[in-house]
Amino acid sequence: MHAALNRRRVLLSAAGLAAPALVGAAEPVTLRFLWWGGGDRHKRTLAAIAAFEARNPGVRIRAEYMGSVGYLEKLTMQMVGGTEPDLMQINWAWLNMFSRHGNGFLDLGTQREALALDEFSDEDLRICTVGGKLNGLPVSYTARIFLWNSASFGRAGLPVPTTWDELFAAGEPFGRALGERAYPIDGEIYDMLLLAQAYVFQQHGSPYVHPSEPRVAMSAAALLDWVKTYKRLFTSRAATPVPYRASLGGAEKPLEQQPDWVVGRWGGTYTWDTVLRSRLSTLDAQQKLDVGPFLTLPGAKNSGMFGRPTALFAISKRTRHPALAARFLNFLLADPGAARLLGLTRGVPSAASAYRVLDEARLLPALELKAYRQIAAQREAGRIDLPSMRFEDARFRRFLREIFELLGYDRISESDAARRLMDDGNALLARIK
């Protein structure tokens, strides 16, 4: 599936692109590398750095790492001040902020000798290209999928939902069987607004934001259906109500920290495939998670699945060592040894050789592999449209959360919410452009 999806030719010499050592250098050449993540990612990335340094005497990689909170602010200050690191992990959508015309980062097309670009699909390269310049390479690709606790549905005497109608109909019997605190799917606000958008995308054929223009793409009728679908998730009792979820420690409290999830009172989640291990991490032994089919309306031409690169590695346009930085980037993404060290810390690798190494070594857990194959099949069929980068702008996310939180608390009418999504959304997008 991976090879079919990417239609790529794996370079037999990919491992050799780690580069010759800098023998005889008078003093170490130092590259700075900045990334965000958690403990496992930090530990594995540091091990990969040590392996690169051992293979390249005279090269030192200065690791700069932190959690995701405050990362964008730190990187923004560095980019504005011209002090950004040589190599950095960035969110794909930040290209719109830091490199709107393609000049914010080093054009990796100038470093083709050091990069195994054939490891990546044409689509992977296209979505990382701005103004004709390759601004980064994707670590992996992620999308929203349905993750169900089949044990919960079994106790409720219900099948795992395979259609939208089955999801909406599951709420009442699920609660009767498992108690008033039990719901078929977690109702976190952002998850649910994306879930409702998928339904309306399938129904009307358009996402909320135009993929390339700073404007709302949905019609007024589609916006009203989006709002009504979101509300229906709660009125049908399919999703955990916003006020109830907020009372349990905050509306944005991670799902794996929710006791109702741990013991199986909440039966599912609409989540990124890259966080499956986190969702699994706290479940008690009686629960059983599985990736369900992507709910799709009959006749829908687009799945409405929300997908994009998980993260990119980009190189500073100010680096004093572009060729060396490119070699290090290639090592992290395409070297077999690095693939074993890094594992799935940044998702299932986009680079063909890294994927093959993990697959042959049976290092791809069944659940992650099932999710990956589902997403790959949708991409191969052309049923995932790349979202607008503006949709994931921090200001725009706050705007969406505000509207849908008000809906969740019944503090705004459906018609007023749809109007604001049109008028205020267009006004904000005009400023973001």
Protein backbone atom coordinates (compact mmCIF):
# COMPACT_ATOMS: atom_id res chain seq x y z
CA MET A 1 0.00 0.00 0.00
CA HIS A 2 2.79 2.36 0.91
CA ALA A 3 4.55 1.84 -2.40
CA ALA A 4 1.30 2.04 -4.36
CA LEU A 5 0.32 5.24 -2.62
CA ASN A 6 3.54 7.04 -3.21
CA ARG A 7 4.48 5.63 -6.63
CA ARG A 8 8.09 6.13 -5.65
CA ARG A 9 11.38 4.49 -6.55
CA VAL A 10 13.41 3.65 -3.44
CA LEU A 11 17.05 4.65 -3.80
CA LEU A 12 19.32 1.72 -3.08
CA SER A 13 21.94 4.12 -1.82
CA ALA A 14 19.66 6.02 0.60
CA ALA A 15 21.54 4.83 3.66
CA GLY A 16 24.78 6.07 2.18
CA LEU A 17 23.51 9.64 2.03
CA ALA A 18 24.39 10.07 5.68
CA ALA A 19 27.57 11.56 4.23
CA PRO A 20 31.28 11.18 4.54
CA ALA A 21 32.86 12.23 7.80
CA LEU A 22 34.45 15.63 8.16
CA VAL A 23 37.86 14.17 8.76
CA GLY A 24 40.56 16.59 9.78
CA ALA A 25 38.27 19.47 10.69
CA ALA A 26 40.12 21.94 12.92
CA GLU A 27 37.11 22.30 15.21
CA PRO A 28 33.66 20.73 15.36
CA VAL A 29 30.99 22.05 13.02
CA THR A 30 27.87 22.67 15.08
CA LEU A 31 24.29 22.54 13.86
CA ARG A 32 21.34 23.52 16.02
CA PHE A 33 18.22 21.33 15.83
CA LEU A 34 14.91 22.39 17.40
CA TRP A 35 11.86 20.16 17.89
CA TRP A 36 8.84 19.70 20.14
CA GLY A 37 7.48 16.50 21.63
CA GLY A 38 7.25 14.33 24.71
CA GLY A 39 9.68 12.19 26.65
CA ASP A 40 9.83 9.25 24.24
CA ARG A 41 10.36 11.48 21.21
CA HIS A 42 13.12 13.39 23.00
CA LYS A 43 14.90 10.19 24.07
CA ARG A 44 14.76 8.60 20.62
CA THR A 45 15.74 11.77 18.80
CA LEU A 46 18.75 12.23 21.05
CA ALA A 47 19.77 8.64 20.27
CA ALA A 48 19.51 9.38 16.53
CA ILE A 49 21.62 12.51 16.98
CA ALA A 50 24.29 10.48 18.78
CA ALA A 51 24.30 7.97 15.90
CA PHE A 52 24.76 10.74 13.33
CA GLU A 53 27.59 12.32 15.31
CA ALA A 54 29.31 8.93 15.66
CA ARG A 55 29.11 8.44 11.91
CA ASN A 56 30.36 11.99 11.24
CA PRO A 57 33.37 12.87 13.42
CA GLY A 58 33.81 16.61 13.58
CA VAL A 59 30.05 17.29 13.57
CA ARG A 60 28.12 18.28 16.66
CA ILE A 61 24.31 18.57 16.79
CA ARG A 62 23.09 20.90 19.51
CA ALA A 63 19.68 19.61 20.54
CA GLU A 64 17.03 22.16 21.52
CA TYR A 65 13.75 20.56 22.51
CA MET A 66 10.61 21.27 24.50
CA GLY A 67 6.91 20.45 24.76
CA SER A 68 4.41 21.83 22.29
CA VAL A 69 3.22 24.60 24.64
CA GLY A 70 5.10 27.79 23.82
CA TYR A 71 6.98 26.23 20.91
CA LEU A 72 5.41 28.39 18.20
CA GLU A 73 6.02 31.53 20.23
CA LYS A 74 9.68 30.62 20.72
CA LEU A 75 10.20 29.81 17.06
CA THR A 76 8.41 32.99 15.97
CA MET A 77 10.75 35.12 18.08
CA GLN A 78 13.76 33.34 16.60
CA MET A 79 12.52 33.68 13.02
CA VAL A 80 11.80 37.39 13.48
CA GLY A 81 15.19 37.93 15.10
CA GLY A 82 17.11 35.83 12.58
CA THR A 83 18.32 33.43 15.28
CA GLU A 84 16.41 30.30 14.28
CA PRO A 85 18.25 26.95 14.37
CA ASP A 86 19.80 25.29 11.33
CA LEU A 87 17.18 22.53 11.29
CA MET A 88 13.74 22.79 12.84
CA GLN A 89 10.53 20.83 13.20
CA ILE A 90 7.54 22.88 12.07
CA ASN A 91 3.82 22.48 11.64
CA TRP A 92 2.90 22.27 7.96
CA ALA A 93 0.38 25.11 8.33
CA TRP A 94 3.13 27.44 9.60
CA LEU A 95 4.42 27.74 6.05
CA ASN A 96 1.65 30.29 5.56
CA MET A 97 3.06 32.30 8.44
CA PHE A 98 6.82 32.00 7.93
CA SER A 99 7.11 31.45 4.18
CA ARG A 100 4.06 32.79 2.40
CA HIS A 101 5.95 33.30 -0.86
CA GLY A 102 8.40 30.43 -0.40
CA ASN A 103 11.36 32.51 0.78
CA GLY A 104 11.15 31.84 4.53
CA PHE A 105 13.23 28.66 4.57
CA LEU A 106 16.06 27.15 2.55
CA ASP A 107 14.89 25.81 -0.80
CA LEU A 108 15.66 22.10 -0.44
CA GLY A 109 15.67 21.83 -4.21
CA THR A 110 19.15 23.38 -4.04
CA GLN A 111 20.38 20.42 -1.97
CA ARG A 112 19.23 17.53 -4.12
CA GLU A 113 22.61 15.77 -3.94
CA ALA A 114 22.23 15.38 -0.19
CA LEU A 115 18.53 14.45 -0.17
CA ALA A 116 16.81 11.24 -1.25
CA LEU A 117 13.80 13.07 -2.68
CA ASP A 118 12.69 9.93 -4.52
CA GLU A 119 11.81 8.54 -1.10
CA PHE A 120 8.76 10.83 -1.12
CA SER A 121 5.69 10.89 -3.33
CA ASP A 122 5.06 13.67 -5.81
CA GLU A 123 2.16 14.70 -3.58
CA ASP A 124 4.40 14.84 -0.49
CA LEU A 125 6.76 17.19 -2.30
CA ARG A 126 3.98 19.28 -3.82
CA ILE A 127 2.31 20.08 -0.53
CA CYS A 128 5.65 21.22 0.95
CA THR A 129 6.43 23.50 -2.01
CA VAL A 130 5.63 27.21 -1.86
CA GLY A 131 6.28 29.55 -4.74
CA GLY A 132 8.13 26.79 -6.58
CA LYS A 133 10.53 26.22 -3.67
CA LEU A 134 10.65 23.07 -1.56
CA ASN A 135 10.39 24.47 1.96
CA GLY A 136 10.56 21.23 3.92
CA LEU A 137 10.07 17.48 3.91
CA PRO A 138 7.23 15.66 5.69
CA VAL A 139 8.03 13.39 8.60
CA SER A 140 4.72 11.58 8.22
CA TYR A 141 1.10 12.14 7.22
CA THR A 142 -1.77 12.15 9.69
CA ALA A 143 -5.55 12.26 9.49
CA ARG A 144 -8.61 12.01 11.67
CA ILE A 145 -10.03 8.51 12.12
CA PHE A 146 -12.71 6.80 14.22
CA LEU A 147 -11.34 4.88 17.18
CA TRP A 148 -13.93 2.71 18.94
CA ASN A 149 -13.93 0.72 22.16
CA SER A 150 -15.61 -2.42 20.85
CA ALA A 151 -15.88 -3.76 24.41
CA SER A 152 -18.07 -0.78 25.39
CA PHE A 153 -20.40 -1.30 22.47
CA GLY A 154 -20.51 -5.01 23.22
CA ARG A 155 -21.61 -4.33 26.80
CA ALA A 156 -24.26 -1.96 25.45
CA GLY A 157 -25.50 -4.62 23.04
CA LEU A 158 -24.74 -2.40 20.05
CA PRO A 159 -22.56 -2.80 16.97
CA VAL A 160 -19.70 -0.38 16.42
CA PRO A 161 -21.09 2.37 14.14
CA THR A 162 -20.39 1.91 10.44
CA THR A 163 -22.76 4.62 9.19
CA TRP A 164 -23.70 8.11 10.30
CA ASP A 165 -27.23 6.97 11.09
CA GLU A 166 -25.89 4.25 13.36
CA LEU A 167 -23.80 6.81 15.25
CA PHE A 168 -26.70 9.20 15.77
CA ALA A 169 -29.00 6.34 16.78
CA ALA A 170 -26.57 4.84 19.30
CA GLY A 171 -26.84 7.58 21.93
CA GLU A 172 -30.04 6.65 23.76
CA PRO A 173 -29.54 2.86 23.92
CA PHE A 174 -25.88 3.32 24.87
CA GLY A 175 -26.92 5.45 27.85
CA ARG A 176 -29.71 3.11 28.90
CA ALA A 177 -27.33 0.16 28.90
CA LEU A 178 -24.26 1.72 30.52
CA GLY A 179 -25.63 4.62 32.56
CA GLU A 180 -26.28 8.34 32.27
CA ARG A 181 -22.54 9.15 32.15
CA ALA A 182 -22.03 6.87 29.13
CA TYR A 183 -21.85 8.17 25.53
CA PRO A 184 -20.87 6.58 22.20
CA ILE A 185 -18.23 9.20 21.37
CA ASP A 186 -16.19 11.80 23.24
CA GLY A 187 -17.58 15.29 22.58
CA GLU A 188 -14.43 17.44 22.77
CA ILE A 189 -15.31 20.68 20.97
CA TYR A 190 -12.66 20.75 18.25
CA ASP A 191 -13.04 17.03 17.54
CA MET A 192 -16.79 17.45 17.10
CA LEU A 193 -16.61 20.51 14.87
CA LEU A 194 -14.22 18.58 12.60
CA LEU A 195 -16.49 15.54 12.71
CA ALA A 196 -19.51 17.64 11.75
CA GLN A 197 -17.47 19.29 9.00
CA ALA A 198 -16.68 15.85 7.53
CA TYR A 199 -20.41 15.07 7.37
CA VAL A 200 -21.23 18.36 5.67
CA PHE A 201 -18.24 18.08 3.31
CA GLN A 202 -19.65 14.73 2.16
CA GLN A 203 -23.12 16.24 1.86
CA HIS A 204 -22.28 19.51 0.09
CA GLY A 205 -18.86 18.84 -1.46
CA SER A 206 -16.97 21.70 0.17
CA PRO A 207 -14.84 22.29 3.28
CA TYR A 208 -15.39 25.36 5.44
CA VAL A 209 -12.35 27.32 4.21
CA HIS A 210 -11.34 27.49 0.56
CA PRO A 211 -8.08 25.51 0.14
CA SER A 212 -6.17 28.28 -1.64
CA GLU A 213 -8.12 31.53 -1.19
CA PRO A 214 -8.71 33.51 2.04
CA ARG A 215 -12.48 33.04 2.10
CA VAL A 216 -15.26 30.80 3.37
CA ALA A 217 -16.00 28.11 0.79
CA MET A 218 -19.24 26.72 2.25
CA SER A 219 -22.55 28.11 1.12
CA ALA A 220 -24.97 29.60 3.66
CA ALA A 221 -27.02 26.39 3.48
CA ALA A 222 -23.96 24.23 4.11
CA LEU A 223 -22.92 26.37 7.08
CA LEU A 224 -26.34 25.96 8.64
CA ASP A 225 -26.14 22.19 8.09
CA TRP A 226 -22.69 22.19 9.71
CA VAL A 227 -24.07 23.89 12.79
CA LYS A 228 -27.13 21.63 12.90
CA THR A 229 -25.02 18.49 12.51
CA TYR A 230 -22.76 19.59 15.37
CA LYS A 231 -25.80 20.19 17.57
CA ARG A 232 -27.32 16.87 16.55
CA LEU A 233 -24.29 15.03 17.92
CA PHE A 234 -25.32 16.28 21.37
CA THR A 235 -29.12 16.34 21.11
CA SER A 236 -29.09 12.74 19.86
CA ARG A 237 -26.91 11.89 22.85
CA ALA A 238 -24.23 10.50 20.55
CA ALA A 239 -21.50 12.75 22.00
CA THR A 240 -20.51 13.82 25.50
CA PRO A 241 -22.19 17.21 26.18
CA VAL A 242 -19.87 20.21 26.31
CA PRO A 243 -20.96 21.38 29.82
CA TYR A 244 -20.55 17.88 31.26
CA ARG A 245 -17.12 17.41 29.73
CA ALA A 246 -16.02 20.84 30.98
CA SER A 247 -17.15 19.93 34.51
CA LEU A 248 -14.68 17.04 34.52
CA GLY A 249 -11.59 19.22 34.48
CA GLY A 250 -11.96 21.51 31.50
CA ALA A 251 -13.31 21.28 27.96
CA GLU A 252 -9.83 20.58 26.56
CA LYS A 253 -8.71 17.98 29.12
CA PRO A 254 -7.02 15.11 27.22
CA LEU A 255 -9.25 12.12 26.67
CA GLU A 256 -6.82 9.62 28.19
CA GLN A 257 -7.09 11.53 31.49
CA GLN A 258 -10.87 11.13 31.62
CA PRO A 259 -11.98 8.36 34.03
CA ASP A 260 -15.08 7.70 31.90
CA TRP A 261 -12.82 6.84 28.97
CA VAL A 262 -10.49 4.71 31.07
CA VAL A 263 -13.31 2.39 32.21
CA GLY A 264 -15.17 2.36 28.89
CA ARG A 265 -18.18 4.56 29.58
CA TRP A 266 -17.22 6.64 26.54
CA GLY A 267 -17.20 4.38 23.54
CA GLY A 268 -15.11 6.19 20.96
CA THR A 269 -13.22 9.21 19.72
CA TYR A 270 -12.62 11.07 16.46
CA THR A 271 -8.89 11.61 16.68
CA TRP A 272 -5.54 11.87 14.89
CA ASP A 273 -4.04 8.50 14.03
CA THR A 274 -0.73 9.70 15.50
CA VAL A 275 -2.14 9.74 19.06
CA LEU A 276 -3.50 6.19 19.17
CA ARG A 277 -0.90 5.06 21.72
CA SER A 278 -1.87 7.94 24.01
CA ARG A 279 -5.53 6.96 23.78
CA LEU A 280 -4.59 3.38 24.62
CA SER A 281 -2.19 4.22 27.42
CA THR A 282 -4.65 4.54 30.31
CA LEU A 283 -7.38 2.04 29.42
CA ASP A 284 -8.07 -0.75 31.85
CA ALA A 285 -7.60 -4.34 30.72
CA GLN A 286 -11.28 -4.95 29.92
CA GLN A 287 -11.36 -2.43 27.06
CA LYS A 288 -10.53 -3.16 23.43
CA LEU A 289 -9.84 -0.41 20.90
CA ASP A 290 -10.14 -0.74 17.15
CA VAL A 291 -10.10 1.58 14.13
CA GLY A 292 -13.55 1.72 12.60
CA PRO A 293 -14.52 2.41 8.99
CA PHE A 294 -14.65 6.08 8.06
CA LEU A 295 -18.34 7.03 8.21
CA THR A 296 -19.40 8.14 4.74
CA LEU A 297 -22.73 9.24 3.27
CA PRO A 298 -23.92 7.24 0.25
CA GLY A 299 -22.79 8.85 -2.99
CA ALA A 300 -20.27 11.20 -1.36
CA LYS A 301 -17.45 12.08 -3.76
CA ASN A 302 -15.08 13.17 -0.99
CA SER A 303 -14.55 11.45 2.34
CA GLY A 304 -14.28 14.74 4.21
CA MET A 305 -11.38 13.12 6.11
CA PHE A 306 -9.20 15.84 7.60
CA GLY A 307 -5.57 15.06 6.78
CA ARG A 308 -2.23 16.82 6.42
CA PRO A 309 1.49 16.30 7.07
CA THR A 310 2.10 15.57 10.75
CA ALA A 311 5.13 17.87 10.77
CA LEU A 312 7.93 19.00 8.49
CA PHE A 313 11.65 19.31 8.88
CA ALA A 314 12.82 22.63 7.44
CA ILE A 315 16.25 24.24 7.17
CA SER A 316 17.00 27.86 7.95
CA LYS A 317 17.74 30.01 4.93
CA ARG A 318 20.46 31.60 7.11
CA THR A 319 22.33 28.39 7.93
CA ARG A 320 26.08 28.55 7.34
CA HIS A 321 26.12 24.83 6.52
CA PRO A 322 23.25 24.08 4.12
CA ALA A 323 24.74 20.89 2.68
CA LEU A 324 25.49 19.43 6.10
CA ALA A 325 22.05 20.42 7.42
CA ALA A 326 20.48 18.70 4.41
CA ARG A 327 22.51 15.53 5.08
CA PHE A 328 21.37 15.51 8.69
CA LEU A 329 17.76 16.05 7.64
CA ASN A 330 18.05 13.15 5.19
CA PHE A 331 19.57 10.96 7.90
CA LEU A 332 16.62 11.59 10.21
CA LEU A 333 14.01 10.87 7.55
CA ALA A 334 15.52 8.24 5.25
CA ASP A 335 18.36 6.39 6.98
CA PRO A 336 17.46 2.79 8.01
CA GLY A 337 19.39 3.04 11.27
CA ALA A 338 17.68 6.28 12.19
CA ALA A 339 14.32 4.72 11.33
CA ARG A 340 14.89 1.97 13.89
CA LEU A 341 15.93 4.48 16.54
CA LEU A 342 13.07 6.93 15.93
CA GLY A 343 10.30 4.38 15.43
CA LEU A 344 6.83 5.94 15.45
CA THR A 345 7.72 8.98 17.56
CA ARG A 346 6.52 11.23 14.73
CA GLY A 347 4.04 8.85 13.12
CA VAL A 348 4.37 6.26 10.35
CA PRO A 349 7.27 7.57 8.22
CA SER A 350 6.61 9.17 4.84
CA ALA A 351 10.02 8.13 3.49
CA ALA A 352 9.75 4.79 1.69
CA SER A 353 12.89 3.19 3.12
CA ALA A 354 12.05 4.19 6.71
CA TYR A 355 8.57 2.71 6.34
CA ARG A 356 10.00 -0.49 4.85
CA VAL A 357 12.50 -0.88 7.71
CA LEU A 358 9.76 -0.61 10.35
CA ASP A 359 7.43 -2.88 8.42
CA GLU A 360 10.01 -5.63 7.87
CA ALA A 361 11.10 -5.45 11.52
CA ARG A 362 7.44 -5.71 12.61
CA LEU A 363 7.71 -2.42 14.46
CA LEU A 364 4.38 -1.13 13.16
CA PRO A 365 1.68 -2.04 15.73
CA ALA A 366 -1.50 -3.50 14.26
CA LEU A 367 -3.71 -0.58 15.29
CA GLU A 368 -1.41 2.08 13.84
CA LEU A 369 -0.96 0.03 10.68
CA LYS A 370 -4.72 -0.35 10.21
CA ALA A 371 -5.21 3.40 10.60
CA TYR A 372 -2.34 4.11 8.24
CA ARG A 373 -3.74 1.82 5.57
CA GLN A 374 -7.19 3.35 5.85
CA ILE A 375 -5.77 6.84 5.37
CA ALA A 376 -3.48 5.68 2.56
CA ALA A 377 -6.43 4.15 0.71
CA GLN A 378 -8.36 7.42 0.92
CA ARG A 379 -5.35 9.39 -0.33
CA GLU A 380 -4.74 6.94 -3.16
CA ALA A 381 -8.38 7.26 -4.24
CA GLY A 382 -8.11 11.07 -4.21
CA ARG A 383 -10.76 11.36 -1.51
CA ILE A 384 -8.82 13.63 0.87
CA ASP A 385 -8.44 17.29 -0.03
CA LEU A 386 -5.55 19.15 1.59
CA PRO A 387 -7.07 21.71 3.99
CA SER A 388 -6.32 25.40 3.94
CA MET A 389 -3.31 26.33 6.05
CA ARG A 390 -5.41 29.23 7.32
CA PHE A 391 -7.84 26.77 8.90
CA GLU A 392 -5.14 25.78 11.39
CA ASP A 393 -3.97 29.31 12.12
CA ALA A 394 -4.07 29.83 15.91
CA ARG A 395 -6.38 32.84 15.59
CA PHE A 396 -8.77 30.92 13.39
CA ARG A 397 -8.86 27.93 15.74
CA ARG A 398 -9.76 30.24 18.63
CA PHE A 399 -12.54 31.75 16.55
CA LEU A 400 -13.98 28.32 15.70
CA ARG A 401 -13.77 27.09 19.29
CA GLU A 402 -15.60 30.20 20.48
CA ILE A 403 -18.51 29.71 18.05
CA PHE A 404 -18.91 26.00 18.68
CA GLU A 405 -18.46 26.33 22.43
CA LEU A 406 -21.33 28.83 22.48
CA LEU A 407 -23.38 26.31 20.52
CA GLY A 408 -22.48 23.60 23.00
CA TYR A 409 -23.79 25.74 25.85
CA ASP A 410 -26.91 26.84 23.88
CA ARG A 411 -25.79 30.46 24.13
CA ILE A 412 -26.16 31.19 20.43
CA SER A 413 -28.81 30.19 17.94
CA GLU A 414 -28.03 27.96 14.98
CA SER A 415 -28.82 30.75 12.52
CA ASP A 416 -26.62 33.27 14.36
CA ALA A 417 -23.76 30.77 14.52
CA ALA A 418 -24.01 30.08 10.78
CA ARG A 419 -24.09 33.82 10.07
CA ARG A 420 -21.00 34.44 12.19
CA LEU A 421 -19.19 31.55 10.54
CA MET A 422 -19.81 33.27 7.21
CA ASP A 423 -19.35 36.97 8.05
CA ASP A 424 -16.80 36.86 10.87
CA GLY A 425 -15.00 33.96 9.24
CA ASN A 426 -14.50 35.89 5.99
CA ALA A 427 -13.34 38.98 7.88
CA LEU A 428 -10.78 36.99 9.88
CA LEU A 429 -9.52 35.12 6.83
CA ALA A 430 -8.96 38.44 5.05
CA ARG A 431 -6.69 39.51 7.91
CA ILE A 432 -4.83 36.19 8.07
CA LYS A 433 -3.92 36.24 4.36
